[in-house]
């Protein structure tokens, strides 16, 4: 399957993006780090940039995870473990870890970011195999260790948001986070939480730290663009219909990047994030929000991946199922992981 086949035509409002040269990547990393974190980096710094060692001292300087296992359940073929751990001192989150039962040796690990849902980690970490978005169970059955961390917008570990949690609730969670980190964007906290989820994976004895991926749908798709741009330990990423461009979905909301991105002359755009993650293998699963208008983001990345010796490691798959993660996209996405994380 050709994952680099452009659409027959581009919509008139498709973004016009120039390819980013290797020499430009450092400046965009600096500018995006400043924009997201405002110069206020967490203890231990952000993740490991691509092209650098994954054993830098910054990881060792990060706060202790204090992983606590709360309960285990599962099916005849998958074990599900509920854990809590500290993303920073005094701030705990929760996650499911799913792994194939009776597996031996070190397996590839994947961070699975859940979509917008009050079910949070149940949505992607549940054990109902009929649910299309159960990415965690799908991956465990394919031989991966998956961690499904709770997004901070739905509260800390043990907190249950109201059934009608929406904009005001999310804004309240962002405000609480910014009491600790006044200069952080909402996406900065999501990046940091993703880095900590990778920390949990690589600390596990059943995970190969050299084979780490991330995946998500909708909200989780956005996180799957940002995490590999800031943490080079992520070697493959799949983003399902998050609306990759800043004008393709609700990136301006305060729990993502904020209204500043709509200001005249704002120069940042998400193809720069793709450049920052290269040569991490990246697949965009395009449905409703990531329609033909998302192709220029892939096209702008192709020359950089080629220059880094990984010409086939970036692409897209266009399905016709709308804002979903349908079976055909699932098979393409999971085979993409198999290609880059199981070799």
C-alpha atoms as a PDB file:
ATOM      1  CA  UNK A   1       0.000   0.000   0.000  1.00  0.00           C
ATOM      2  CA  UNK A   2       1.310   3.418  -0.982  1.00  0.00           C
ATOM      3  CA  UNK A   3       1.108   5.615   2.122  1.00  0.00           C
ATOM      4  CA  UNK A   4       2.555   8.583   0.248  1.00  0.00           C
ATOM      5  CA  UNK A   5      -0.027   8.835  -2.522  1.00  0.00           C
ATOM      6  CA  UNK A   6      -1.409  12.388  -2.661  1.00  0.00           C
ATOM      7  CA  UNK A   7      -5.122  13.022  -3.112  1.00  0.00           C
ATOM      8  CA  UNK A   8      -6.359  13.566  -6.674  1.00  0.00           C
ATOM      9  CA  UNK A   9      -7.097  17.201  -5.891  1.00  0.00           C
ATOM     10  CA  UNK A  10      -6.515  19.564  -2.985  1.00  0.00           C
ATOM     11  CA  UNK A  11      -9.300  21.734  -1.571  1.00  0.00           C
ATOM     12  CA  UNK A  12      -8.840  25.472  -2.249  1.00  0.00           C
ATOM     13  CA  UNK A  13      -8.370  26.115   1.470  1.00  0.00           C
ATOM     14  CA  UNK A  14      -5.639  23.490   1.903  1.00  0.00           C
ATOM     15  CA  UNK A  15      -2.615  24.957   3.767  1.00  0.00           C
ATOM     16  CA  UNK A  16       0.366  25.961   1.665  1.00  0.00           C
ATOM     17  CA  UNK A  17       3.428  24.674   3.505  1.00  0.00           C
ATOM     18  CA  UNK A  18       7.070  24.824   2.533  1.00  0.00           C
ATOM     19  CA  UNK A  19       9.278  21.815   3.174  1.00  0.00           C
ATOM     20  CA  UNK A  20      11.491  22.205   6.241  1.00  0.00           C
ATOM     21  CA  UNK A  21      15.214  21.748   5.719  1.00  0.00           C
ATOM     22  CA  UNK A  22      17.295  19.893   8.329  1.00  0.00           C
ATOM     23  CA  UNK A  23      19.029  23.157   9.258  1.00  0.00           C
ATOM     24  CA  UNK A  24      15.666  24.671  10.259  1.00  0.00           C
ATOM     25  CA  UNK A  25      14.725  22.031  12.821  1.00  0.00           C
ATOM     26  CA  UNK A  26      16.728  23.465  15.728  1.00  0.00           C
ATOM     27  CA  UNK A  27      15.078  26.886  15.502  1.00  0.00           C
ATOM     28  CA  UNK A  28      11.590  25.384  15.433  1.00  0.00           C
ATOM     29  CA  UNK A  29      12.398  23.178  18.422  1.00  0.00           C
ATOM     30  CA  UNK A  30      13.547  26.244  20.343  1.00  0.00           C
ATOM     31  CA  UNK A  31      10.489  28.286  19.373  1.00  0.00           C
ATOM     32  CA  UNK A  32       7.983  25.533  20.093  1.00  0.00           C
ATOM     33  CA  UNK A  33       9.589  24.769  23.454  1.00  0.00           C
ATOM     34  CA  UNK A  34       9.403  28.454  24.379  1.00  0.00           C
ATOM     35  CA  UNK A  35       5.793  28.736  23.221  1.00  0.00           C
ATOM     36  CA  UNK A  36       4.579  25.615  25.034  1.00  0.00           C
ATOM     37  CA  UNK A  37       6.542  25.851  28.265  1.00  0.00           C
ATOM     38  CA  UNK A  38       7.300  29.585  28.353  1.00  0.00           C
ATOM     39  CA  UNK A  39      10.863  28.874  29.397  1.00  0.00           C
ATOM     40  CA  UNK A  40       9.566  27.082  32.500  1.00  0.00           C
ATOM     41  CA  UNK A  41      10.693  23.524  31.909  1.00  0.00           C
ATOM     42  CA  UNK A  42       9.759  20.768  34.355  1.00  0.00           C
ATOM     43  CA  UNK A  43      12.337  19.108  36.559  1.00  0.00           C
ATOM     44  CA  UNK A  44      14.487  16.939  34.356  1.00  0.00           C
ATOM     45  CA  UNK A  45      13.607  18.898  31.226  1.00  0.00           C
ATOM     46  CA  UNK A  46      11.514  17.745  28.282  1.00  0.00           C
ATOM     47  CA  UNK A  47      12.071  14.461  26.499  1.00  0.00           C
ATOM     48  CA  UNK A  48      15.060  13.387  24.489  1.00  0.00           C
ATOM     49  CA  UNK A  49      15.347  15.134  21.113  1.00  0.00           C
ATOM     50  CA  UNK A  50      15.609  12.863  18.092  1.00  0.00           C
ATOM     51  CA  UNK A  51      19.183  12.231  17.088  1.00  0.00           C
ATOM     52  CA  UNK A  52      20.400  12.235  20.695  1.00  0.00           C
ATOM     53  CA  UNK A  53      21.008   9.393  23.127  1.00  0.00           C
ATOM     54  CA  UNK A  54      17.975   8.102  24.987  1.00  0.00           C
ATOM     55  CA  UNK A  55      20.060   7.730  28.139  1.00  0.00           C
ATOM     56  CA  UNK A  56      20.758  11.399  28.806  1.00  0.00           C
ATOM     57  CA  UNK A  57      20.960  12.619  32.381  1.00  0.00           C
ATOM     58  CA  UNK A  58      17.695  14.555  32.081  1.00  0.00           C
ATOM     59  CA  UNK A  59      15.707  11.336  32.408  1.00  0.00           C
ATOM     60  CA  UNK A  60      17.540  10.440  35.595  1.00  0.00           C
ATOM     61  CA  UNK A  61      16.894  13.927  36.971  1.00  0.00           C
ATOM     62  CA  UNK A  62      13.130  13.601  36.678  1.00  0.00           C
ATOM     63  CA  UNK A  63      11.043  13.024  39.815  1.00  0.00           C
ATOM     64  CA  UNK A  64      10.492   9.476  41.049  1.00  0.00           C
ATOM     65  CA  UNK A  65       7.482   7.817  39.437  1.00  0.00           C
ATOM     66  CA  UNK A  66       6.372   5.905  42.557  1.00  0.00           C
ATOM     67  CA  UNK A  67       4.332   3.459  40.475  1.00  0.00           C
ATOM     68  CA  UNK A  68       1.617   1.765  42.545  1.00  0.00           C
ATOM     69  CA  UNK A  69      -0.283  -1.227  41.263  1.00  0.00           C
ATOM     70  CA  UNK A  70      -3.923  -1.124  42.380  1.00  0.00           C
ATOM     71  CA  UNK A  71      -5.612  -4.102  40.740  1.00  0.00           C
ATOM     72  CA  UNK A  72      -5.406  -6.683  37.971  1.00  0.00           C
ATOM     73  CA  UNK A  73      -8.014  -8.196  35.731  1.00  0.00           C
ATOM     74  CA  UNK A  74      -8.244  -9.221  32.111  1.00  0.00           C
ATOM     75  CA  UNK A  75      -9.356 -11.904  29.695  1.00  0.00           C
ATOM     76  CA  UNK A  76      -7.964 -15.260  28.715  1.00  0.00           C
ATOM     77  CA  UNK A  77      -5.344 -13.591  26.526  1.00  0.00           C
ATOM     78  CA  UNK A  78      -4.742 -10.085  27.929  1.00  0.00           C
ATOM     79  CA  UNK A  79      -3.747  -8.900  31.368  1.00  0.00           C
ATOM     80  CA  UNK A  80      -4.916  -5.438  32.444  1.00  0.00           C
ATOM     81  CA  UNK A  81      -3.190  -3.678  35.332  1.00  0.00           C
ATOM     82  CA  UNK A  82      -4.486  -0.469  36.900  1.00  0.00           C
ATOM     83  CA  UNK A  83      -1.665   1.735  38.194  1.00  0.00           C
ATOM     84  CA  UNK A  84      -1.182   5.165  39.718  1.00  0.00           C
ATOM     85  CA  UNK A  85       2.063   7.121  39.516  1.00  0.00           C
ATOM     86  CA  UNK A  86       3.444  10.608  40.016  1.00  0.00           C
ATOM     87  CA  UNK A  87       3.884  12.864  36.997  1.00  0.00           C
ATOM     88  CA  UNK A  88       5.551  15.360  39.346  1.00  0.00           C
ATOM     89  CA  UNK A  89       5.779  15.625  43.142  1.00  0.00           C
ATOM     90  CA  UNK A  90       2.297  15.840  44.600  1.00  0.00           C
ATOM     91  CA  UNK A  91       0.543  15.230  41.248  1.00  0.00           C
ATOM     92  CA  UNK A  92      -0.602  11.667  40.630  1.00  0.00           C
ATOM     93  CA  UNK A  93      -2.322  10.212  37.609  1.00  0.00           C
ATOM     94  CA  UNK A  94      -3.674   6.798  36.737  1.00  0.00           C
ATOM     95  CA  UNK A  95      -3.371   4.449  33.778  1.00  0.00           C
ATOM     96  CA  UNK A  96      -4.052   0.980  32.536  1.00  0.00           C
ATOM     97  CA  UNK A  97      -1.196  -1.211  31.417  1.00  0.00           C
ATOM     98  CA  UNK A  98      -2.273  -3.968  29.053  1.00  0.00           C
ATOM     99  CA  UNK A  99      -0.017  -6.830  28.033  1.00  0.00           C
ATOM    100  CA  UNK A 100      -0.424 -10.231  26.385  1.00  0.00           C
ATOM    101  CA  UNK A 101      -0.695 -13.016  28.924  1.00  0.00           C
ATOM    102  CA  UNK A 102       2.109 -15.548  29.025  1.00  0.00           C
ATOM    103  CA  UNK A 103       4.380 -13.369  26.868  1.00  0.00           C
ATOM    104  CA  UNK A 104       8.094 -13.711  27.512  1.00  0.00           C
ATOM    105  CA  UNK A 105      11.057 -11.499  26.795  1.00  0.00           C
ATOM    106  CA  UNK A 106      11.019  -7.781  26.107  1.00  0.00           C
ATOM    107  CA  UNK A 107       8.112  -6.487  24.020  1.00  0.00           C
ATOM    108  CA  UNK A 108       7.589  -3.205  22.186  1.00  0.00           C
ATOM    109  CA  UNK A 109       5.657  -0.640  24.213  1.00  0.00           C
ATOM    110  CA  UNK A 110       3.067   1.911  23.097  1.00  0.00           C
ATOM    111  CA  UNK A 111       1.530   4.936  24.834  1.00  0.00           C
ATOM    112  CA  UNK A 112      -2.179   4.977  23.942  1.00  0.00           C
ATOM    113  CA  UNK A 113      -3.788   8.407  24.346  1.00  0.00           C
ATOM    114  CA  UNK A 114      -7.543   8.214  24.881  1.00  0.00           C
ATOM    115  CA  UNK A 115     -10.029  10.439  22.996  1.00  0.00           C
ATOM    116  CA  UNK A 116     -12.366  13.003  24.545  1.00  0.00           C
ATOM    117  CA  UNK A 117     -14.658  10.957  26.761  1.00  0.00           C
ATOM    118  CA  UNK A 118     -15.689  10.859  30.410  1.00  0.00           C
ATOM    119  CA  UNK A 119     -14.782   7.166  30.186  1.00  0.00           C
ATOM    120  CA  UNK A 120     -11.145   8.318  29.790  1.00  0.00           C
ATOM    121  CA  UNK A 121      -8.870   5.293  30.147  1.00  0.00           C
ATOM    122  CA  UNK A 122     -11.780   2.853  29.971  1.00  0.00           C
ATOM    123  CA  UNK A 123     -12.390   3.941  26.381  1.00  0.00           C
ATOM    124  CA  UNK A 124      -8.957   2.911  25.088  1.00  0.00           C
ATOM    125  CA  UNK A 125      -8.046   0.459  27.840  1.00  0.00           C
ATOM    126  CA  UNK A 126     -11.339  -1.423  28.158  1.00  0.00           C
ATOM    127  CA  UNK A 127     -11.639  -5.083  27.390  1.00  0.00           C
ATOM    128  CA  UNK A 128     -14.663  -4.967  25.074  1.00  0.00           C
ATOM    129  CA  UNK A 129     -13.074  -6.030  21.798  1.00  0.00           C
ATOM    130  CA  UNK A 130     -16.130  -4.826  19.841  1.00  0.00           C
ATOM    131  CA  UNK A 131     -15.280  -1.184  20.621  1.00  0.00           C
ATOM    132  CA  UNK A 132     -13.347   0.214  17.672  1.00  0.00           C
ATOM    133  CA  UNK A 133     -11.374   2.672  19.797  1.00  0.00           C
ATOM    134  CA  UNK A 134     -10.090   0.057  22.244  1.00  0.00           C
ATOM    135  CA  UNK A 135      -6.560   0.627  20.979  1.00  0.00           C
ATOM    136  CA  UNK A 136      -4.965  -0.741  24.145  1.00  0.00           C
ATOM    137  CA  UNK A 137      -6.597  -4.153  23.897  1.00  0.00           C
ATOM    138  CA  UNK A 138      -5.961  -4.307  20.156  1.00  0.00           C
ATOM    139  CA  UNK A 139      -2.245  -3.700  20.635  1.00  0.00           C
ATOM    140  CA  UNK A 140      -1.880  -6.087  23.572  1.00  0.00           C
ATOM    141  CA  UNK A 141      -3.384  -8.830  21.432  1.00  0.00           C
ATOM    142  CA  UNK A 142      -0.772  -8.075  18.766  1.00  0.00           C
ATOM    143  CA  UNK A 143       2.106  -8.502  21.211  1.00  0.00           C
ATOM    144  CA  UNK A 144       2.626  -5.025  22.648  1.00  0.00           C
ATOM    145  CA  UNK A 145       2.677  -3.630  26.170  1.00  0.00           C
ATOM    146  CA  UNK A 146       0.312  -0.655  26.094  1.00  0.00           C
ATOM    147  CA  UNK A 147      -0.075   2.084  28.685  1.00  0.00           C
ATOM    148  CA  UNK A 148      -3.264   4.152  28.590  1.00  0.00           C
ATOM    149  CA  UNK A 149      -2.714   7.255  30.764  1.00  0.00           C
ATOM    150  CA  UNK A 150      -5.508   9.525  31.941  1.00  0.00           C
ATOM    151  CA  UNK A 151      -5.504  12.984  30.392  1.00  0.00           C
ATOM    152  CA  UNK A 152      -5.206  15.706  33.046  1.00  0.00           C
ATOM    153  CA  UNK A 153      -8.371  17.425  31.773  1.00  0.00           C
ATOM    154  CA  UNK A 154     -10.408  14.806  33.656  1.00  0.00           C
ATOM    155  CA  UNK A 155      -8.654  15.268  36.985  1.00  0.00           C
ATOM    156  CA  UNK A 156      -5.965  13.452  38.915  1.00  0.00           C
ATOM    157  CA  UNK A 157      -5.837   9.806  39.923  1.00  0.00           C
ATOM    158  CA  UNK A 158      -9.051   8.699  41.575  1.00  0.00           C
ATOM    159  CA  UNK A 159     -11.017  11.787  40.573  1.00  0.00           C
ATOM    160  CA  UNK A 160     -14.250  11.149  38.695  1.00  0.00           C
ATOM    161  CA  UNK A 161     -15.369  14.081  36.548  1.00  0.00           C
ATOM    162  CA  UNK A 162     -19.091  14.811  36.268  1.00  0.00           C
ATOM    163  CA  UNK A 163     -20.943  12.989  33.526  1.00  0.00           C
ATOM    164  CA  UNK A 164     -21.488  16.277  31.709  1.00  0.00           C
ATOM    165  CA  UNK A 165     -17.847  17.422  31.961  1.00  0.00           C
ATOM    166  CA  UNK A 166     -17.147  19.836  29.159  1.00  0.00           C
ATOM    167  CA  UNK A 167     -15.582  23.166  28.346  1.00  0.00           C
ATOM    168  CA  UNK A 168     -15.885  24.768  31.796  1.00  0.00           C
ATOM    169  CA  UNK A 169     -14.547  21.673  33.515  1.00  0.00           C
ATOM    170  CA  UNK A 170     -11.553  21.450  31.166  1.00  0.00           C
ATOM    171  CA  UNK A 171     -10.818  25.152  31.623  1.00  0.00           C
ATOM    172  CA  UNK A 172     -10.898  24.619  35.387  1.00  0.00           C
ATOM    173  CA  UNK A 173      -8.366  21.797  35.156  1.00  0.00           C
ATOM    174  CA  UNK A 174      -6.085  23.958  33.016  1.00  0.00           C
ATOM    175  CA  UNK A 175      -6.362  26.756  35.594  1.00  0.00           C
ATOM    176  CA  UNK A 176      -5.393  24.332  38.386  1.00  0.00           C
ATOM    177  CA  UNK A 177      -2.398  23.137  36.372  1.00  0.00           C
ATOM    178  CA  UNK A 178      -1.310  26.719  35.719  1.00  0.00           C
ATOM    179  CA  UNK A 179      -1.263  27.462  39.429  1.00  0.00           C
ATOM    180  CA  UNK A 180       1.795  25.202  39.452  1.00  0.00           C
ATOM    181  CA  UNK A 181       3.094  26.172  36.001  1.00  0.00           C
ATOM    182  CA  UNK A 182       1.807  29.638  35.054  1.00  0.00           C
ATOM    183  CA  UNK A 183       3.596  29.700  31.697  1.00  0.00           C
ATOM    184  CA  UNK A 184       2.509  26.287  30.440  1.00  0.00           C
ATOM    185  CA  UNK A 185      -0.049  25.727  27.715  1.00  0.00           C
ATOM    186  CA  UNK A 186      -2.505  22.893  28.176  1.00  0.00           C
ATOM    187  CA  UNK A 187      -0.600  20.929  25.548  1.00  0.00           C
ATOM    188  CA  UNK A 188       2.605  21.414  27.528  1.00  0.00           C
ATOM    189  CA  UNK A 189       1.086  19.394  30.365  1.00  0.00           C
ATOM    190  CA  UNK A 190      -0.065  16.746  27.877  1.00  0.00           C
ATOM    191  CA  UNK A 191       3.470  16.517  26.477  1.00  0.00           C
ATOM    192  CA  UNK A 192       4.904  16.179  29.978  1.00  0.00           C
ATOM    193  CA  UNK A 193       2.363  13.501  30.905  1.00  0.00           C
ATOM    194  CA  UNK A 194       3.248  11.633  27.708  1.00  0.00           C
ATOM    195  CA  UNK A 195       6.933  11.754  28.616  1.00  0.00           C
ATOM    196  CA  UNK A 196       6.101  10.333  32.041  1.00  0.00           C
ATOM    197  CA  UNK A 197       4.045   7.548  30.459  1.00  0.00           C
ATOM    198  CA  UNK A 198       7.106   6.656  28.370  1.00  0.00           C
ATOM    199  CA  UNK A 199       9.128   6.706  31.600  1.00  0.00           C
ATOM    200  CA  UNK A 200       6.731   4.108  33.038  1.00  0.00           C
ATOM    201  CA  UNK A 201       7.052   1.902  29.960  1.00  0.00           C
ATOM    202  CA  UNK A 202      10.851   1.952  29.712  1.00  0.00           C
ATOM    203  CA  UNK A 203      11.149   1.148  33.424  1.00  0.00           C
ATOM    204  CA  UNK A 204       9.169  -2.072  32.991  1.00  0.00           C
ATOM    205  CA  UNK A 205      11.213  -5.294  32.706  1.00  0.00           C
ATOM    206  CA  UNK A 206       8.905  -6.608  29.952  1.00  0.00           C
ATOM    207  CA  UNK A 207       9.381  -3.587  27.634  1.00  0.00           C
ATOM    208  CA  UNK A 208      12.194  -2.978  25.171  1.00  0.00           C
ATOM    209  CA  UNK A 209      13.084   0.724  25.657  1.00  0.00           C
ATOM    210  CA  UNK A 210      14.396   0.915  22.088  1.00  0.00           C
ATOM    211  CA  UNK A 211      10.949   0.053  20.650  1.00  0.00           C
ATOM    212  CA  UNK A 212       8.466   2.639  21.907  1.00  0.00           C
ATOM    213  CA  UNK A 213       5.470   4.059  20.024  1.00  0.00           C
ATOM    214  CA  UNK A 214       2.434   6.235  20.633  1.00  0.00           C
ATOM    215  CA  UNK A 215      -1.060   6.355  19.168  1.00  0.00           C
ATOM    216  CA  UNK A 216      -4.297   8.208  19.734  1.00  0.00           C
ATOM    217  CA  UNK A 217      -7.625   9.216  18.214  1.00  0.00           C
ATOM    218  CA  UNK A 218      -9.027  12.773  18.154  1.00  0.00           C
ATOM    219  CA  UNK A 219      -7.699  14.378  21.360  1.00  0.00           C
ATOM    220  CA  UNK A 220      -5.223  11.508  21.552  1.00  0.00           C
ATOM    221  CA  UNK A 221      -4.223  12.116  17.937  1.00  0.00           C
ATOM    222  CA  UNK A 222      -3.078  15.617  18.845  1.00  0.00           C
ATOM    223  CA  UNK A 223      -0.951  14.230  21.674  1.00  0.00           C
ATOM    224  CA  UNK A 224       0.512  11.691  19.242  1.00  0.00           C
ATOM    225  CA  UNK A 225       1.857  14.549  17.116  1.00  0.00           C
ATOM    226  CA  UNK A 226       3.417  16.444  20.022  1.00  0.00           C
ATOM    227  CA  UNK A 227       4.936  13.673  22.136  1.00  0.00           C
ATOM    228  CA  UNK A 228       7.364  12.283  19.514  1.00  0.00           C
ATOM    229  CA  UNK A 229       8.425  15.841  18.657  1.00  0.00           C
ATOM    230  CA  UNK A 230       9.655  16.276  22.240  1.00  0.00           C
ATOM    231  CA  UNK A 231      10.737  12.742  23.158  1.00  0.00           C
ATOM    232  CA  UNK A 232      13.051  10.895  20.813  1.00  0.00           C
ATOM    233  CA  UNK A 233      12.502   7.623  22.612  1.00  0.00           C
ATOM    234  CA  UNK A 234       9.281   7.374  20.579  1.00  0.00           C
ATOM    235  CA  UNK A 235      10.221   5.557  17.373  1.00  0.00           C
ATOM    236  CA  UNK A 236       6.785   5.291  15.724  1.00  0.00           C
ATOM    237  CA  UNK A 237       3.554   7.293  16.030  1.00  0.00           C
ATOM    238  CA  UNK A 238       0.043   6.969  14.626  1.00  0.00           C
ATOM    239  CA  UNK A 239      -2.326   9.942  14.752  1.00  0.00           C
ATOM    240  CA  UNK A 240      -6.003   9.253  14.005  1.00  0.00           C
ATOM    241  CA  UNK A 241      -8.077  12.206  12.806  1.00  0.00           C
ATOM    242  CA  UNK A 242      -7.013  14.891  15.241  1.00  0.00           C
ATOM    243  CA  UNK A 243      -7.063  17.660  12.651  1.00  0.00           C
ATOM    244  CA  UNK A 244      -3.298  18.014  12.352  1.00  0.00           C
ATOM    245  CA  UNK A 245      -3.180  21.614  11.131  1.00  0.00           C
ATOM    246  CA  UNK A 246      -3.796  24.542  13.473  1.00  0.00           C
ATOM    247  CA  UNK A 247      -6.670  25.581  11.216  1.00  0.00           C
ATOM    248  CA  UNK A 248      -8.158  22.105  10.845  1.00  0.00           C
ATOM    249  CA  UNK A 249      -9.535  21.627  14.355  1.00  0.00           C
ATOM    250  CA  UNK A 250      -9.837  23.277  17.778  1.00  0.00           C
ATOM    251  CA  UNK A 251      -6.172  23.840  18.606  1.00  0.00           C
ATOM    252  CA  UNK A 252      -7.089  27.358  19.766  1.00  0.00           C
ATOM    253  CA  UNK A 253      -8.972  26.024  22.789  1.00  0.00           C
ATOM    254  CA  UNK A 254      -7.230  26.827  26.098  1.00  0.00           C
ATOM    255  CA  UNK A 255      -6.621  23.187  26.929  1.00  0.00           C
ATOM    256  CA  UNK A 256      -4.488  22.869  23.787  1.00  0.00           C
ATOM    257  CA  UNK A 257      -2.563  25.923  22.515  1.00  0.00           C
ATOM    258  CA  UNK A 258      -4.851  28.859  23.261  1.00  0.00           C
ATOM    259  CA  UNK A 259      -6.234  31.759  21.213  1.00  0.00           C
ATOM    260  CA  UNK A 260      -2.762  33.208  20.498  1.00  0.00           C
ATOM    261  CA  UNK A 261      -2.449  30.873  17.516  1.00  0.00           C
ATOM    262  CA  UNK A 262      -5.145  32.905  15.746  1.00  0.00           C
ATOM    263  CA  UNK A 263      -3.238  36.179  16.073  1.00  0.00           C
ATOM    264  CA  UNK A 264      -2.114  37.795  12.796  1.00  0.00           C
ATOM    265  CA  UNK A 265       1.455  36.855  11.950  1.00  0.00           C
ATOM    266  CA  UNK A 266       1.592  33.746  14.172  1.00  0.00           C
ATOM    267  CA  UNK A 267       4.332  31.680  12.547  1.00  0.00           C
ATOM    268  CA  UNK A 268       4.157  28.281  14.227  1.00  0.00           C
ATOM    269  CA  UNK A 269       2.421  25.378  12.477  1.00  0.00           C
ATOM    270  CA  UNK A 270       2.336  21.668  13.104  1.00  0.00           C
ATOM    271  CA  UNK A 271       4.440  20.583  10.123  1.00  0.00           C
ATOM    272  CA  UNK A 272       7.283  21.966  12.252  1.00  0.00           C
ATOM    273  CA  UNK A 273       6.388  19.354  14.881  1.00  0.00           C
ATOM    274  CA  UNK A 274       6.720  16.677  12.214  1.00  0.00           C
ATOM    275  CA  UNK A 275      10.166  18.028  11.370  1.00  0.00           C
ATOM    276  CA  UNK A 276      11.105  17.914  15.060  1.00  0.00           C
ATOM    277  CA  UNK A 277      10.173  14.222  15.338  1.00  0.00           C
ATOM    278  CA  UNK A 278      11.952  13.056  12.162  1.00  0.00           C
ATOM    279  CA  UNK A 279      13.005  10.349  11.462  1.00  0.00           C
ATOM    280  CA  UNK A 280      10.440   8.837  13.858  1.00  0.00           C
ATOM    281  CA  UNK A 281       8.027   6.772  11.768  1.00  0.00           C
ATOM    282  CA  UNK A 282       4.762   8.731  11.505  1.00  0.00           C
ATOM    283  CA  UNK A 283       1.382   7.750  10.058  1.00  0.00           C
ATOM    284  CA  UNK A 284      -1.617  10.068   9.792  1.00  0.00           C
ATOM    285  CA  UNK A 285      -4.978   8.274   9.659  1.00  0.00           C
ATOM    286  CA  UNK A 286      -7.228  10.781   7.917  1.00  0.00           C
ATOM    287  CA  UNK A 287     -10.999  10.779   8.187  1.00  0.00           C
ATOM    288  CA  UNK A 288     -13.197  13.825   8.811  1.00  0.00           C
ATOM    289  CA  UNK A 289     -10.890  16.475  10.330  1.00  0.00           C
ATOM    290  CA  UNK A 290      -7.740  15.143   8.698  1.00  0.00           C
ATOM    291  CA  UNK A 291      -9.196  15.131   5.210  1.00  0.00           C
ATOM    292  CA  UNK A 292      -7.461  16.131   1.970  1.00  0.00           C
ATOM    293  CA  UNK A 293      -6.430  19.420   3.632  1.00  0.00           C
ATOM    294  CA  UNK A 294      -4.001  17.442   5.787  1.00  0.00           C
ATOM    295  CA  UNK A 295      -1.957  16.151   2.847  1.00  0.00           C
ATOM    296  CA  UNK A 296       0.350  19.232   2.684  1.00  0.00           C
ATOM    297  CA  UNK A 297       1.635  18.343   6.173  1.00  0.00           C
ATOM    298  CA  UNK A 298       2.787  14.940   4.929  1.00  0.00           C
ATOM    299  CA  UNK A 299       4.122  16.402   1.683  1.00  0.00           C
ATOM    300  CA  UNK A 300       6.191  18.984   3.581  1.00  0.00           C
ATOM    301  CA  UNK A 301       7.772  16.211   5.671  1.00  0.00           C
ATOM    302  CA  UNK A 302       8.778  13.882   2.841  1.00  0.00           C
ATOM    303  CA  UNK A 303      12.045  15.623   1.850  1.00  0.00           C
ATOM    304  CA  UNK A 304      13.296  15.703   5.442  1.00  0.00           C
ATOM    305  CA  UNK A 305      12.610  12.007   6.060  1.00  0.00           C
ATOM    306  CA  UNK A 306      14.309  11.220   2.759  1.00  0.00           C
ATOM    307  CA  UNK A 307      17.366  13.273   3.700  1.00  0.00           C
ATOM    308  CA  UNK A 308      17.593  11.356   6.993  1.00  0.00           C
ATOM    309  CA  UNK A 309      17.579   7.978   5.267  1.00  0.00           C
ATOM    310  CA  UNK A 310      13.986   7.026   6.128  1.00  0.00           C
ATOM    311  CA  UNK A 311      12.016   7.938   2.985  1.00  0.00           C
ATOM    312  CA  UNK A 312       9.189   5.471   3.594  1.00  0.00           C
ATOM    313  CA  UNK A 313       8.672   6.165   7.291  1.00  0.00           C
ATOM    314  CA  UNK A 314       6.139   8.989   6.950  1.00  0.00           C
ATOM    315  CA  UNK A 315       2.745   8.811   5.272  1.00  0.00           C
ATOM    316  CA  UNK A 316      -1.012   8.887   5.537  1.00  0.00           C
ATOM    317  CA  UNK A 317      -4.024   6.631   5.099  1.00  0.00           C
ATOM    318  CA  UNK A 318      -7.267   8.246   3.949  1.00  0.00           C
ATOM    319  CA  UNK A 319     -10.419   6.379   4.989  1.00  0.00           C
ATOM    320  CA  UNK A 320     -14.055   7.290   4.423  1.00  0.00           C
ATOM    321  CA  UNK A 321     -15.507   6.520   7.866  1.00  0.00           C
ATOM    322  CA  UNK A 322     -15.571  10.079   9.197  1.00  0.00           C
ATOM    323  CA  UNK A 323     -14.309  10.886  12.683  1.00  0.00           C
ATOM    324  CA  UNK A 324     -13.629   7.299  13.641  1.00  0.00           C
ATOM    325  CA  UNK A 325     -10.937   4.609  13.893  1.00  0.00           C
ATOM    326  CA  UNK A 326     -12.478   2.031  11.553  1.00  0.00           C
ATOM    327  CA  UNK A 327     -11.235  -1.527  11.001  1.00  0.00           C
ATOM    328  CA  UNK A 328      -9.409  -0.734   7.751  1.00  0.00           C
ATOM    329  CA  UNK A 329      -7.490   2.114   9.401  1.00  0.00           C
ATOM    330  CA  UNK A 330      -6.811  -0.089  12.404  1.00  0.00           C
ATOM    331  CA  UNK A 331      -5.152  -2.727  10.265  1.00  0.00           C
ATOM    332  CA  UNK A 332      -3.028  -0.169   8.420  1.00  0.00           C
ATOM    333  CA  UNK A 333      -2.039   1.573  11.666  1.00  0.00           C
ATOM    334  CA  UNK A 334      -1.167  -1.580  13.587  1.00  0.00           C
ATOM    335  CA  UNK A 335       0.784  -3.006  10.640  1.00  0.00           C
ATOM    336  CA  UNK A 336       2.687   0.299  10.560  1.00  0.00           C
ATOM    337  CA  UNK A 337       3.693  -0.303  14.189  1.00  0.00           C
ATOM    338  CA  UNK A 338       4.643  -3.892  13.396  1.00  0.00           C
ATOM    339  CA  UNK A 339       6.895  -2.662  10.585  1.00  0.00           C
ATOM    340  CA  UNK A 340       8.798  -0.149  12.729  1.00  0.00           C
ATOM    341  CA  UNK A 341       8.586  -1.545  16.269  1.00  0.00           C
ATOM    342  CA  UNK A 342       8.891  -5.298  15.742  1.00  0.00           C
ATOM    343  CA  UNK A 343      11.875  -5.421  13.443  1.00  0.00           C
END
